[in-house]
Protein backbone atom coordinates (compact mmCIF):
# COMPACT_ATOMS: atom_id res chain seq x y z
CA MET A 1 -16.12 134.20 42.28
CA ASN A 2 -18.29 132.51 44.54
CA ARG A 3 -21.13 130.67 45.37
CA ALA A 4 -23.19 133.74 45.68
CA ALA A 5 -22.16 135.69 42.99
CA ALA A 6 -22.48 133.16 40.28
CA VAL A 7 -26.03 133.00 41.14
CA LEU A 8 -26.55 136.38 40.75
CA LEU A 9 -25.00 136.02 37.37
CA VAL A 10 -26.85 133.47 35.83
CA LEU A 11 -30.27 135.39 37.50
CA ALA A 12 -29.22 138.97 35.97
CA THR A 13 -28.68 136.72 32.86
CA LEU A 14 -32.29 135.13 32.66
CA GLY A 15 -33.39 138.64 33.49
CA VAL A 16 -32.34 139.28 30.51
CA VAL A 17 -33.66 136.33 28.50
CA GLY A 18 -37.33 136.97 30.06
CA ALA A 19 -37.76 140.19 28.88
CA CYS A 20 -38.68 138.39 25.28
CA ALA A 21 -40.05 135.92 26.88
CA GLY A 22 -43.57 134.71 26.86
CA ASN A 23 -45.71 134.07 30.21
CA ASP A 24 -47.09 130.68 29.72
CA GLY A 25 -46.27 128.37 32.71
CA GLY A 26 -44.65 130.67 34.67
CA GLU A 27 -47.84 130.90 36.53
CA THR A 28 -47.02 127.99 38.07
CA ARG A 29 -46.28 128.03 42.10
CA CYS A 30 -42.86 127.41 43.43
CA GLU A 31 -45.03 125.13 46.15
CA GLU A 32 -46.28 123.11 43.32
CA PHE A 33 -42.46 123.80 40.93
CA ALA A 34 -40.28 122.71 43.69
CA LEU A 35 -42.42 119.08 43.76
CA MET A 36 -42.38 118.36 40.25
CA SER A 37 -39.70 116.11 38.14
CA GLU A 38 -37.15 116.99 36.41
CA GLY A 39 -39.72 116.69 32.85
CA ASP A 40 -41.73 118.65 34.47
CA ARG A 41 -39.92 121.48 35.49
CA THR A 42 -38.69 121.31 31.96
CA ALA A 43 -41.40 121.73 29.81
CA VAL A 44 -42.88 124.48 32.32
CA VAL A 45 -39.72 125.97 31.75
CA GLU A 46 -40.20 125.79 27.96
CA GLN A 47 -42.74 126.44 27.99
CA LEU A 48 -42.63 129.74 30.41
CA LEU A 49 -39.68 130.96 27.49
CA GLY A 50 -41.14 130.32 24.86
CA GLY A 51 -40.22 130.06 21.21
CA SER A 52 -37.10 128.24 20.53
CA PRO A 53 -34.37 128.12 23.83
CA SER A 54 -31.44 127.09 24.20
CA ALA A 55 -30.62 123.65 26.05
CA GLY A 56 -28.41 126.04 28.01
CA THR A 57 -31.22 128.59 28.47
CA VAL A 58 -33.71 126.22 30.03
CA ASP A 59 -31.13 124.30 31.41
CA LEU A 60 -29.96 127.53 33.73
CA THR A 61 -33.88 128.04 33.50
CA VAL A 62 -35.31 125.48 35.42
CA SER A 63 -31.79 125.33 37.99
CA ALA A 64 -32.43 128.74 39.07
CA ALA A 65 -36.59 128.74 39.31
CA THR A 66 -35.33 125.24 41.14
CA TYR A 67 -32.91 127.58 43.98
CA HIS A 68 -35.19 130.14 44.65
CA CYS A 69 -37.86 127.81 44.78
CA LEU A 70 -36.14 126.18 47.74
CA ALA A 71 -36.32 130.04 49.52
CA PRO A 72 -37.92 130.40 52.49
CA ASP A 73 -41.84 131.81 51.83
CA SER A 74 -41.29 131.33 48.65
CA ALA A 75 -44.30 128.28 48.76
CA ASP A 76 -46.64 131.25 46.64
CA ASP A 77 -43.86 132.60 44.32
CA LEU A 78 -44.66 132.09 40.85
CA VAL A 79 -42.09 130.46 38.70
CA LYS A 80 -41.87 133.33 36.14
CA ASP A 81 -40.66 135.62 39.99
CA VAL A 82 -36.88 134.19 39.38
CA LEU A 83 -36.90 136.15 35.99
CA GLY A 84 -37.41 139.18 37.32
């Protein structure tokens, strides 16, 4: 599986998780998210996912959001956008 396919698989998986997620924390803009510490990014994602997400789900979502927010022209995107 190439890297792009792996990223799409992670994003698709997160989309399923995101369908049940609240949007608290997801209102953070990519420009801000990209400058946060790893701990702050984790806190934003935990708030976005709500409930009791597994550590793996949080880690995958932080990675996907970080990757999404590094894309050109993503500064105004919201973190919740990574969940589709």
